[in-house]
């Protein structure tokens, strides 16, 4: 009886995994098929039908050139690198101060950080836009960079959780040797926070790469596209060129796949160690 029950549970588990994989894969297959279809073929054929020719790369050419994908990748890379660097520095410094130093406002600051995560971001957009415009950052790469760096409360909590696993005795030993607070942060805290940094880079990097709203609102200039807004060029008032958009989607997926295969060991380690901590 136990073996039968165990076999049923195992069967349900694998069926669930297969269904989940199908749900995740089918949209990608549909997009991949559509990227090789002509406009007429896309309108008349079933979404899962094979294209007449996998050698039809006109959609890819149009998406790459008409959508200014090269410029979009350049802008996206600049924003990602600068914003992630700033996020890591600010987040680790804040976590270091809140975890290692006791002062009257420390608990109040923690409560304020927690309260900030509970406020829907859409309710602060008017004030945020006015601040960005008053600083002269509107229609520049600095606008999304500053927003990404200034609204990253979750990363601070991740760093604080990891900081709790780093022994205070390491700080005390370093101070006995004459190390300053900044030296302790740079030579002890930062190296030991590598798993947390990997986790934050993955989570925030994916979020920034996929974000459409922030670049679209704060960088509306046609000369400042990012990967997500480049695809919006093919959406018009009388319809969308879905076959070209699908080709653009495949182009944007390729860099993430390459990065995943190159860094999958670090990605898995970052997530697993982050969950344990």
C-alpha atoms as a PDB file:
ATOM      1  CA  UNK A   1       0.000   0.000   0.000  1.00  0.00           C
ATOM      2  CA  UNK A   2       2.834   2.353   0.886  1.00  0.00           C
ATOM      3  CA  UNK A   3       4.602   1.633  -2.423  1.00  0.00           C
ATOM      4  CA  UNK A   4       1.413   2.342  -4.393  1.00  0.00           C
ATOM      5  CA  UNK A   5       0.857   5.619  -2.529  1.00  0.00           C
ATOM      6  CA  UNK A   6       4.492   6.605  -3.002  1.00  0.00           C
ATOM      7  CA  UNK A   7       4.296   5.755  -6.709  1.00  0.00           C
ATOM      8  CA  UNK A   8       1.169   7.907  -7.122  1.00  0.00           C
ATOM      9  CA  UNK A   9       2.872  10.860  -5.415  1.00  0.00           C
ATOM     10  CA  UNK A  10       5.939  10.482  -7.629  1.00  0.00           C
ATOM     11  CA  UNK A  11       3.699  10.309 -10.711  1.00  0.00           C
ATOM     12  CA  UNK A  12       1.836  13.469  -9.684  1.00  0.00           C
ATOM     13  CA  UNK A  13       5.162  15.211  -9.081  1.00  0.00           C
ATOM     14  CA  UNK A  14       6.483  14.418 -12.551  1.00  0.00           C
ATOM     15  CA  UNK A  15       3.186  15.256 -14.232  1.00  0.00           C
ATOM     16  CA  UNK A  16       3.215  18.646 -12.481  1.00  0.00           C
ATOM     17  CA  UNK A  17       6.801  19.278 -13.580  1.00  0.00           C
ATOM     18  CA  UNK A  18       5.990  18.315 -17.180  1.00  0.00           C
ATOM     19  CA  UNK A  19       2.920  20.571 -17.254  1.00  0.00           C
ATOM     20  CA  UNK A  20       4.937  23.434 -15.787  1.00  0.00           C
ATOM     21  CA  UNK A  21       7.658  22.949 -18.416  1.00  0.00           C
ATOM     22  CA  UNK A  22       5.068  22.899 -21.219  1.00  0.00           C
ATOM     23  CA  UNK A  23       3.435  26.103 -19.959  1.00  0.00           C
ATOM     24  CA  UNK A  24       6.843  27.796 -19.854  1.00  0.00           C
ATOM     25  CA  UNK A  25       8.113  26.499 -23.205  1.00  0.00           C
ATOM     26  CA  UNK A  26       5.030  26.929 -25.452  1.00  0.00           C
ATOM     27  CA  UNK A  27       5.111  30.777 -25.473  1.00  0.00           C
ATOM     28  CA  UNK A  28       8.807  30.676 -26.417  1.00  0.00           C
ATOM     29  CA  UNK A  29       8.092  28.194 -29.209  1.00  0.00           C
ATOM     30  CA  UNK A  30       5.258  30.385 -30.545  1.00  0.00           C
ATOM     31  CA  UNK A  31       7.507  33.472 -30.528  1.00  0.00           C
ATOM     32  CA  UNK A  32      10.354  31.559 -32.195  1.00  0.00           C
ATOM     33  CA  UNK A  33       8.067  30.236 -34.956  1.00  0.00           C
ATOM     34  CA  UNK A  34       6.492  33.646 -35.540  1.00  0.00           C
ATOM     35  CA  UNK A  35       9.881  35.337 -35.907  1.00  0.00           C
ATOM     36  CA  UNK A  36      10.458  33.490 -39.207  1.00  0.00           C
ATOM     37  CA  UNK A  37       7.008  34.118 -40.686  1.00  0.00           C
ATOM     38  CA  UNK A  38       6.027  36.845 -43.129  1.00  0.00           C
ATOM     39  CA  UNK A  39       3.252  39.265 -42.228  1.00  0.00           C
ATOM     40  CA  UNK A  40       0.709  37.444 -44.402  1.00  0.00           C
ATOM     41  CA  UNK A  41       1.822  34.058 -43.120  1.00  0.00           C
ATOM     42  CA  UNK A  42       1.582  35.201 -39.492  1.00  0.00           C
ATOM     43  CA  UNK A  43      -1.985  36.465 -40.047  1.00  0.00           C
ATOM     44  CA  UNK A  44      -3.249  33.337 -41.862  1.00  0.00           C
ATOM     45  CA  UNK A  45      -1.445  30.463 -40.098  1.00  0.00           C
ATOM     46  CA  UNK A  46      -1.907  28.830 -36.717  1.00  0.00           C
ATOM     47  CA  UNK A  47       0.463  30.103 -34.032  1.00  0.00           C
ATOM     48  CA  UNK A  48       2.060  26.663 -33.630  1.00  0.00           C
ATOM     49  CA  UNK A  49       2.407  26.047 -37.385  1.00  0.00           C
ATOM     50  CA  UNK A  50       5.942  25.799 -38.705  1.00  0.00           C
ATOM     51  CA  UNK A  51       7.068  28.742 -40.858  1.00  0.00           C
ATOM     52  CA  UNK A  52       7.447  28.163 -44.587  1.00  0.00           C
ATOM     53  CA  UNK A  53      11.185  28.737 -44.267  1.00  0.00           C
ATOM     54  CA  UNK A  54      13.542  29.030 -41.300  1.00  0.00           C
ATOM     55  CA  UNK A  55      15.880  30.936 -43.610  1.00  0.00           C
ATOM     56  CA  UNK A  56      13.596  33.985 -43.664  1.00  0.00           C
ATOM     57  CA  UNK A  57      15.598  36.398 -41.501  1.00  0.00           C
ATOM     58  CA  UNK A  58      14.035  39.606 -42.812  1.00  0.00           C
ATOM     59  CA  UNK A  59      12.201  40.106 -39.525  1.00  0.00           C
ATOM     60  CA  UNK A  60      15.490  39.905 -37.650  1.00  0.00           C
ATOM     61  CA  UNK A  61      17.113  42.436 -39.972  1.00  0.00           C
ATOM     62  CA  UNK A  62      14.191  44.834 -39.595  1.00  0.00           C
ATOM     63  CA  UNK A  63      14.112  44.449 -35.797  1.00  0.00           C
ATOM     64  CA  UNK A  64      17.872  44.894 -35.484  1.00  0.00           C
ATOM     65  CA  UNK A  65      18.155  47.940 -37.733  1.00  0.00           C
ATOM     66  CA  UNK A  66      14.715  49.577 -37.524  1.00  0.00           C
ATOM     67  CA  UNK A  67      14.519  49.050 -33.771  1.00  0.00           C
ATOM     68  CA  UNK A  68      18.050  50.370 -33.184  1.00  0.00           C
ATOM     69  CA  UNK A  69      18.857  47.234 -31.223  1.00  0.00           C
ATOM     70  CA  UNK A  70      22.609  47.904 -31.161  1.00  0.00           C
ATOM     71  CA  UNK A  71      22.070  51.292 -29.516  1.00  0.00           C
ATOM     72  CA  UNK A  72      19.496  49.682 -27.226  1.00  0.00           C
ATOM     73  CA  UNK A  73      21.993  47.067 -26.048  1.00  0.00           C
ATOM     74  CA  UNK A  74      24.644  49.747 -25.477  1.00  0.00           C
ATOM     75  CA  UNK A  75      22.294  51.914 -23.393  1.00  0.00           C
ATOM     76  CA  UNK A  76      20.999  48.907 -21.476  1.00  0.00           C
ATOM     77  CA  UNK A  77      24.542  47.731 -20.696  1.00  0.00           C
ATOM     78  CA  UNK A  78      25.597  51.171 -19.442  1.00  0.00           C
ATOM     79  CA  UNK A  79      22.515  51.484 -17.229  1.00  0.00           C
ATOM     80  CA  UNK A  80      22.896  47.936 -15.894  1.00  0.00           C
ATOM     81  CA  UNK A  81      26.585  48.214 -15.024  1.00  0.00           C
ATOM     82  CA  UNK A  82      26.375  51.628 -13.338  1.00  0.00           C
ATOM     83  CA  UNK A  83      23.093  50.920 -11.512  1.00  0.00           C
ATOM     84  CA  UNK A  84      24.219  47.498 -10.266  1.00  0.00           C
ATOM     85  CA  UNK A  85      27.556  48.895  -9.087  1.00  0.00           C
ATOM     86  CA  UNK A  86      25.795  51.694  -7.220  1.00  0.00           C
ATOM     87  CA  UNK A  87      23.220  49.286  -5.793  1.00  0.00           C
ATOM     88  CA  UNK A  88      25.930  46.986  -4.431  1.00  0.00           C
ATOM     89  CA  UNK A  89      27.968  49.829  -2.877  1.00  0.00           C
ATOM     90  CA  UNK A  90      24.960  51.583  -1.316  1.00  0.00           C
ATOM     91  CA  UNK A  91      23.307  48.347  -0.193  1.00  0.00           C
ATOM     92  CA  UNK A  92      26.420  46.852   1.428  1.00  0.00           C
ATOM     93  CA  UNK A  93      27.319  50.131   3.153  1.00  0.00           C
ATOM     94  CA  UNK A  94      23.802  50.551   4.577  1.00  0.00           C
ATOM     95  CA  UNK A  95      23.730  46.908   5.687  1.00  0.00           C
ATOM     96  CA  UNK A  96      27.167  47.284   7.290  1.00  0.00           C
ATOM     97  CA  UNK A  97      26.101  50.351   9.269  1.00  0.00           C
ATOM     98  CA  UNK A  98      22.749  48.926  10.405  1.00  0.00           C
ATOM     99  CA  UNK A  99      24.240  45.543  11.342  1.00  0.00           C
ATOM    100  CA  UNK A 100      27.465  46.613  13.043  1.00  0.00           C
ATOM    101  CA  UNK A 101      26.695  49.963  14.654  1.00  0.00           C
ATOM    102  CA  UNK A 102      24.176  50.613  17.408  1.00  0.00           C
ATOM    103  CA  UNK A 103      22.637  54.081  17.533  1.00  0.00           C
ATOM    104  CA  UNK A 104      19.290  55.551  18.477  1.00  0.00           C
ATOM    105  CA  UNK A 105      17.890  55.824  14.954  1.00  0.00           C
ATOM    106  CA  UNK A 106      18.912  52.343  13.764  1.00  0.00           C
ATOM    107  CA  UNK A 107      15.568  50.697  14.584  1.00  0.00           C
ATOM    108  CA  UNK A 108      13.660  53.665  13.176  1.00  0.00           C
ATOM    109  CA  UNK A 109      15.632  53.397   9.925  1.00  0.00           C
ATOM    110  CA  UNK A 110      14.832  49.678   9.689  1.00  0.00           C
ATOM    111  CA  UNK A 111      11.132  50.445  10.186  1.00  0.00           C
ATOM    112  CA  UNK A 112      11.288  53.160   7.518  1.00  0.00           C
ATOM    113  CA  UNK A 113      12.943  50.746   5.066  1.00  0.00           C
ATOM    114  CA  UNK A 114      10.236  48.182   5.765  1.00  0.00           C
ATOM    115  CA  UNK A 115       7.529  50.832   5.391  1.00  0.00           C
ATOM    116  CA  UNK A 116       9.025  51.903   2.029  1.00  0.00           C
ATOM    117  CA  UNK A 117       8.624  48.367   0.654  1.00  0.00           C
ATOM    118  CA  UNK A 118       4.911  48.425   1.514  1.00  0.00           C
ATOM    119  CA  UNK A 119       4.171  51.615  -0.459  1.00  0.00           C
ATOM    120  CA  UNK A 120       3.059  50.894  -4.053  1.00  0.00           C
ATOM    121  CA  UNK A 121       5.591  52.483  -6.378  1.00  0.00           C
ATOM    122  CA  UNK A 122       2.875  53.826  -8.673  1.00  0.00           C
ATOM    123  CA  UNK A 123       1.662  56.170  -5.895  1.00  0.00           C
ATOM    124  CA  UNK A 124       5.016  57.988  -5.841  1.00  0.00           C
ATOM    125  CA  UNK A 125       5.518  58.338  -9.592  1.00  0.00           C
ATOM    126  CA  UNK A 126       4.327  61.962  -9.807  1.00  0.00           C
ATOM    127  CA  UNK A 127       6.715  63.080  -7.061  1.00  0.00           C
ATOM    128  CA  UNK A 128       9.550  60.978  -8.507  1.00  0.00           C
ATOM    129  CA  UNK A 129       9.041  62.457 -11.964  1.00  0.00           C
ATOM    130  CA  UNK A 130       9.095  66.019 -10.564  1.00  0.00           C
ATOM    131  CA  UNK A 131      12.320  65.311  -8.678  1.00  0.00           C
ATOM    132  CA  UNK A 132      14.000  63.785 -11.733  1.00  0.00           C
ATOM    133  CA  UNK A 133      12.942  66.711 -13.920  1.00  0.00           C
ATOM    134  CA  UNK A 134      14.046  69.327 -11.350  1.00  0.00           C
ATOM    135  CA  UNK A 135      17.491  67.697 -11.192  1.00  0.00           C
ATOM    136  CA  UNK A 136      17.812  67.946 -14.966  1.00  0.00           C
ATOM    137  CA  UNK A 137      18.053  64.164 -15.390  1.00  0.00           C
ATOM    138  CA  UNK A 138      14.978  63.738 -17.601  1.00  0.00           C
ATOM    139  CA  UNK A 139      15.730  62.201 -21.000  1.00  0.00           C
ATOM    140  CA  UNK A 140      19.140  60.953 -19.919  1.00  0.00           C
ATOM    141  CA  UNK A 141      20.621  57.614 -18.826  1.00  0.00           C
ATOM    142  CA  UNK A 142      21.098  59.009 -15.325  1.00  0.00           C
ATOM    143  CA  UNK A 143      17.331  59.069 -14.726  1.00  0.00           C
ATOM    144  CA  UNK A 144      16.771  55.272 -14.668  1.00  0.00           C
ATOM    145  CA  UNK A 145      20.173  54.743 -13.031  1.00  0.00           C
ATOM    146  CA  UNK A 146      19.283  56.987 -10.080  1.00  0.00           C
ATOM    147  CA  UNK A 147      15.802  55.471  -9.798  1.00  0.00           C
ATOM    148  CA  UNK A 148      17.133  51.893  -9.794  1.00  0.00           C
ATOM    149  CA  UNK A 149      19.747  52.774  -7.183  1.00  0.00           C
ATOM    150  CA  UNK A 150      17.387  54.745  -4.967  1.00  0.00           C
ATOM    151  CA  UNK A 151      14.459  52.324  -4.835  1.00  0.00           C
ATOM    152  CA  UNK A 152      16.333  49.107  -4.102  1.00  0.00           C
ATOM    153  CA  UNK A 153      15.175  48.311  -0.556  1.00  0.00           C
ATOM    154  CA  UNK A 154      15.018  44.537  -1.122  1.00  0.00           C
ATOM    155  CA  UNK A 155      18.753  44.337  -1.833  1.00  0.00           C
ATOM    156  CA  UNK A 156      19.486  46.089   1.473  1.00  0.00           C
ATOM    157  CA  UNK A 157      17.476  43.441   3.307  1.00  0.00           C
ATOM    158  CA  UNK A 158      19.338  40.668   1.492  1.00  0.00           C
ATOM    159  CA  UNK A 159      22.678  42.162   2.527  1.00  0.00           C
ATOM    160  CA  UNK A 160      21.480  42.616   6.112  1.00  0.00           C
ATOM    161  CA  UNK A 161      20.460  38.948   6.290  1.00  0.00           C
ATOM    162  CA  UNK A 162      23.887  37.857   5.056  1.00  0.00           C
ATOM    163  CA  UNK A 163      25.608  40.251   7.442  1.00  0.00           C
ATOM    164  CA  UNK A 164      24.011  38.399  10.332  1.00  0.00           C
ATOM    165  CA  UNK A 165      26.042  35.287   9.435  1.00  0.00           C
ATOM    166  CA  UNK A 166      29.391  37.133   9.492  1.00  0.00           C
ATOM    167  CA  UNK A 167      30.951  36.925  12.950  1.00  0.00           C
ATOM    168  CA  UNK A 168      31.517  40.224  14.748  1.00  0.00           C
ATOM    169  CA  UNK A 169      34.757  38.750  16.129  1.00  0.00           C
ATOM    170  CA  UNK A 170      36.304  39.211  12.680  1.00  0.00           C
ATOM    171  CA  UNK A 171      35.695  42.959  12.960  1.00  0.00           C
ATOM    172  CA  UNK A 172      37.085  43.040  16.479  1.00  0.00           C
ATOM    173  CA  UNK A 173      40.220  41.133  15.479  1.00  0.00           C
ATOM    174  CA  UNK A 174      40.808  43.499  12.584  1.00  0.00           C
ATOM    175  CA  UNK A 175      40.336  46.547  14.835  1.00  0.00           C
ATOM    176  CA  UNK A 176      42.939  45.161  17.262  1.00  0.00           C
ATOM    177  CA  UNK A 177      45.333  45.082  14.310  1.00  0.00           C
ATOM    178  CA  UNK A 178      44.626  48.756  13.660  1.00  0.00           C
ATOM    179  CA  UNK A 179      42.166  48.405  10.800  1.00  0.00           C
ATOM    180  CA  UNK A 180      39.694  51.231  10.250  1.00  0.00           C
ATOM    181  CA  UNK A 181      35.966  50.734   9.713  1.00  0.00           C
ATOM    182  CA  UNK A 182      36.367  51.270   5.984  1.00  0.00           C
ATOM    183  CA  UNK A 183      39.244  48.746   5.832  1.00  0.00           C
ATOM    184  CA  UNK A 184      37.069  46.179   7.618  1.00  0.00           C
ATOM    185  CA  UNK A 185      34.275  46.846   5.140  1.00  0.00           C
ATOM    186  CA  UNK A 186      36.571  46.601   2.123  1.00  0.00           C
ATOM    187  CA  UNK A 187      38.754  43.636   3.130  1.00  0.00           C
ATOM    188  CA  UNK A 188      36.459  41.538   5.329  1.00  0.00           C
ATOM    189  CA  UNK A 189      32.797  42.374   4.765  1.00  0.00           C
ATOM    190  CA  UNK A 190      32.800  42.724   0.972  1.00  0.00           C
ATOM    191  CA  UNK A 191      34.636  39.423   0.218  1.00  0.00           C
ATOM    192  CA  UNK A 192      32.337  37.507   2.587  1.00  0.00           C
ATOM    193  CA  UNK A 193      29.258  39.068   0.963  1.00  0.00           C
ATOM    194  CA  UNK A 194      30.050  37.625  -2.476  1.00  0.00           C
ATOM    195  CA  UNK A 195      27.118  35.125  -2.402  1.00  0.00           C
ATOM    196  CA  UNK A 196      24.740  37.952  -1.496  1.00  0.00           C
ATOM    197  CA  UNK A 197      26.207  40.194  -4.193  1.00  0.00           C
ATOM    198  CA  UNK A 198      25.702  37.440  -6.789  1.00  0.00           C
ATOM    199  CA  UNK A 199      22.094  37.026  -5.663  1.00  0.00           C
ATOM    200  CA  UNK A 200      21.421  40.773  -5.874  1.00  0.00           C
ATOM    201  CA  UNK A 201      23.096  41.087  -9.274  1.00  0.00           C
ATOM    202  CA  UNK A 202      20.910  38.276 -10.634  1.00  0.00           C
ATOM    203  CA  UNK A 203      17.634  39.547  -9.180  1.00  0.00           C
ATOM    204  CA  UNK A 204      18.183  43.236  -9.890  1.00  0.00           C
ATOM    205  CA  UNK A 205      19.904  42.634 -13.236  1.00  0.00           C
ATOM    206  CA  UNK A 206      16.946  40.650 -14.577  1.00  0.00           C
ATOM    207  CA  UNK A 207      14.502  43.258 -13.276  1.00  0.00           C
ATOM    208  CA  UNK A 208      16.399  46.161 -14.866  1.00  0.00           C
ATOM    209  CA  UNK A 209      16.919  44.321 -18.166  1.00  0.00           C
ATOM    210  CA  UNK A 210      13.200  43.540 -18.476  1.00  0.00           C
ATOM    211  CA  UNK A 211      11.927  46.911 -17.226  1.00  0.00           C
ATOM    212  CA  UNK A 212       9.927  48.826 -19.796  1.00  0.00           C
ATOM    213  CA  UNK A 213       8.076  51.422 -17.745  1.00  0.00           C
ATOM    214  CA  UNK A 214      11.023  53.372 -16.290  1.00  0.00           C
ATOM    215  CA  UNK A 215      13.037  53.845 -19.537  1.00  0.00           C
ATOM    216  CA  UNK A 216       9.866  54.539 -21.503  1.00  0.00           C
ATOM    217  CA  UNK A 217       8.792  57.281 -19.074  1.00  0.00           C
ATOM    218  CA  UNK A 218      12.145  58.903 -18.300  1.00  0.00           C
ATOM    219  CA  UNK A 219      13.979  58.320 -21.621  1.00  0.00           C
ATOM    220  CA  UNK A 220      11.355  58.993 -24.318  1.00  0.00           C
ATOM    221  CA  UNK A 221      13.893  60.276 -26.838  1.00  0.00           C
ATOM    222  CA  UNK A 222      14.257  58.154 -29.971  1.00  0.00           C
ATOM    223  CA  UNK A 223      18.029  58.468 -29.570  1.00  0.00           C
ATOM    224  CA  UNK A 224      17.967  56.790 -26.146  1.00  0.00           C
ATOM    225  CA  UNK A 225      16.362  53.382 -26.663  1.00  0.00           C
ATOM    226  CA  UNK A 226      16.981  50.407 -24.405  1.00  0.00           C
ATOM    227  CA  UNK A 227      16.313  46.771 -25.237  1.00  0.00           C
ATOM    228  CA  UNK A 228      12.724  46.830 -23.962  1.00  0.00           C
ATOM    229  CA  UNK A 229      11.691  50.119 -25.612  1.00  0.00           C
ATOM    230  CA  UNK A 230      13.322  49.200 -28.940  1.00  0.00           C
ATOM    231  CA  UNK A 231      10.531  46.686 -29.562  1.00  0.00           C
ATOM    232  CA  UNK A 232       7.896  49.373 -28.989  1.00  0.00           C
ATOM    233  CA  UNK A 233       8.882  51.036 -32.263  1.00  0.00           C
ATOM    234  CA  UNK A 234       6.892  48.379 -34.117  1.00  0.00           C
ATOM    235  CA  UNK A 235       3.633  49.125 -32.308  1.00  0.00           C
ATOM    236  CA  UNK A 236       1.488  51.727 -34.043  1.00  0.00           C
ATOM    237  CA  UNK A 237      -1.995  53.230 -33.736  1.00  0.00           C
ATOM    238  CA  UNK A 238      -3.350  50.870 -36.389  1.00  0.00           C
ATOM    239  CA  UNK A 239      -1.782  47.634 -35.149  1.00  0.00           C
ATOM    240  CA  UNK A 240       1.483  45.959 -34.300  1.00  0.00           C
ATOM    241  CA  UNK A 241       4.046  44.167 -36.457  1.00  0.00           C
ATOM    242  CA  UNK A 242       4.045  41.057 -34.304  1.00  0.00           C
ATOM    243  CA  UNK A 243       6.338  38.989 -36.504  1.00  0.00           C
ATOM    244  CA  UNK A 244       9.042  41.681 -36.209  1.00  0.00           C
ATOM    245  CA  UNK A 245       8.413  42.079 -32.482  1.00  0.00           C
ATOM    246  CA  UNK A 246       8.839  38.308 -32.061  1.00  0.00           C
ATOM    247  CA  UNK A 247      12.177  38.492 -33.884  1.00  0.00           C
ATOM    248  CA  UNK A 248      13.224  41.320 -31.564  1.00  0.00           C
ATOM    249  CA  UNK A 249      12.208  39.247 -28.544  1.00  0.00           C
ATOM    250  CA  UNK A 250      14.445  36.379 -29.691  1.00  0.00           C
ATOM    251  CA  UNK A 251      17.319  38.836 -30.158  1.00  0.00           C
ATOM    252  CA  UNK A 252      16.872  40.149 -26.603  1.00  0.00           C
ATOM    253  CA  UNK A 253      16.730  36.607 -25.184  1.00  0.00           C
ATOM    254  CA  UNK A 254      20.054  35.549 -26.746  1.00  0.00           C
ATOM    255  CA  UNK A 255      22.338  37.630 -24.419  1.00  0.00           C
ATOM    256  CA  UNK A 256      20.538  36.350 -21.318  1.00  0.00           C
ATOM    257  CA  UNK A 257      20.937  32.744 -22.494  1.00  0.00           C
ATOM    258  CA  UNK A 258      24.656  33.248 -23.138  1.00  0.00           C
ATOM    259  CA  UNK A 259      25.150  34.844 -19.711  1.00  0.00           C
ATOM    260  CA  UNK A 260      23.143  32.057 -18.064  1.00  0.00           C
ATOM    261  CA  UNK A 261      25.210  29.256 -19.631  1.00  0.00           C
ATOM    262  CA  UNK A 262      28.470  31.016 -18.774  1.00  0.00           C
ATOM    263  CA  UNK A 263      27.525  31.866 -15.186  1.00  0.00           C
ATOM    264  CA  UNK A 264      25.029  29.133 -14.276  1.00  0.00           C
ATOM    265  CA  UNK A 265      27.302  27.765 -11.516  1.00  0.00           C
ATOM    266  CA  UNK A 266      27.446  31.179  -9.832  1.00  0.00           C
ATOM    267  CA  UNK A 267      23.721  31.729 -10.374  1.00  0.00           C
ATOM    268  CA  UNK A 268      22.770  28.463  -8.665  1.00  0.00           C
ATOM    269  CA  UNK A 269      25.246  29.060  -5.830  1.00  0.00           C
ATOM    270  CA  UNK A 270      23.952  32.601  -5.316  1.00  0.00           C
ATOM    271  CA  UNK A 271      20.330  31.477  -5.069  1.00  0.00           C
ATOM    272  CA  UNK A 272      20.969  28.422  -2.879  1.00  0.00           C
ATOM    273  CA  UNK A 273      23.297  30.208  -0.482  1.00  0.00           C
ATOM    274  CA  UNK A 274      20.938  33.165  -0.362  1.00  0.00           C
ATOM    275  CA  UNK A 275      18.051  30.901   0.641  1.00  0.00           C
ATOM    276  CA  UNK A 276      20.122  29.221   3.355  1.00  0.00           C
ATOM    277  CA  UNK A 277      21.339  32.505   4.807  1.00  0.00           C
END
